Amino acid sequence: MLFTPTLLLAGAATIGLAALDKTLETYGFGALGIILRIALPIAAFAAGIYFIETNAIIGWLR
């Protein structure tokens, strides 16, 4: 399938975060926008590492 639910969810999250960042900047909360741009990728990276380390199928393949 061309558009899986996961792909649509990731796209919606990206657009939502971009809109939230722009809204925060517009209303004078620039520091929150910067924190959002820095903290979210770090949290996503940590969640990805956690998933890889705790996934039973990947552990079975090792």
Protein backbone atom coordinates (compact mmCIF):
# COMPACT_ATOMS: atom_id res chain seq x y z
CA MET A 1 0.00 0.00 0.00
CA LEU A 2 1.18 3.46 -0.76
CA PHE A 3 -0.18 5.23 2.31
CA THR A 4 0.00 3.10 5.42
CA PRO A 5 -1.58 4.31 8.67
CA THR A 6 1.88 4.72 10.18
CA LEU A 7 2.99 6.98 7.34
CA LEU A 8 -0.15 9.10 7.63
CA LEU A 9 0.29 9.37 11.41
CA ALA A 10 3.92 10.43 11.03
CA GLY A 11 2.96 13.04 8.44
CA ALA A 12 0.17 14.41 10.60
CA ALA A 13 2.50 14.59 13.61
CA THR A 14 5.10 16.46 11.55
CA ILE A 15 2.58 18.98 10.26
CA GLY A 16 1.08 19.38 13.75
CA LEU A 17 4.47 20.04 15.32
CA ALA A 18 5.38 22.54 12.62
CA ALA A 19 2.10 24.36 13.18
CA LEU A 20 2.61 24.33 16.96
CA ASP A 21 6.14 25.69 16.55
CA LYS A 22 4.96 28.49 14.26
CA THR A 23 2.08 29.32 16.60
CA LEU A 24 4.42 29.52 19.59
CA GLU A 25 6.73 31.87 17.68
CA THR A 26 3.82 34.04 16.54
CA TYR A 27 2.47 34.54 20.05
CA GLY A 28 5.85 35.38 21.55
CA PHE A 29 6.86 32.07 23.03
CA GLY A 30 10.02 31.66 20.98
CA ALA A 31 11.89 29.87 23.76
CA LEU A 32 9.23 27.16 23.88
CA GLY A 33 9.54 26.71 20.13
CA ILE A 34 13.30 26.27 20.43
CA ILE A 35 12.84 23.77 23.26
CA LEU A 36 10.29 21.92 21.14
CA ARG A 37 12.70 21.76 18.19
CA ILE A 38 15.50 20.41 20.39
CA ALA A 39 13.69 18.14 22.86
CA LEU A 40 11.40 16.25 20.48
CA PRO A 41 14.12 14.80 18.21
CA ILE A 42 16.14 13.77 21.27
CA ALA A 43 13.06 12.07 22.78
CA ALA A 44 12.32 10.32 19.47
CA PHE A 45 15.92 9.12 19.26
CA ALA A 46 15.74 7.73 22.80
CA ALA A 47 12.42 6.00 22.04
CA GLY A 48 13.94 4.44 18.91
CA ILE A 49 16.90 3.11 20.86
CA TYR A 50 14.55 1.74 23.52
CA PHE A 51 12.45 0.02 20.85
CA ILE A 52 15.48 -1.58 19.21
CA GLU A 53 16.86 -2.78 22.55
CA THR A 54 13.58 -4.23 23.81
CA ASN A 55 12.11 -5.67 20.61
CA ALA A 56 11.80 -9.44 21.02
CA ILE A 57 12.04 -10.21 17.29
CA ILE A 58 15.28 -8.26 16.87
CA GLY A 59 16.68 -9.98 19.97
CA TRP A 60 15.74 -13.34 18.50
CA LEU A 61 17.52 -12.52 15.24
CA ARG A 62 20.82 -11.78 16.98
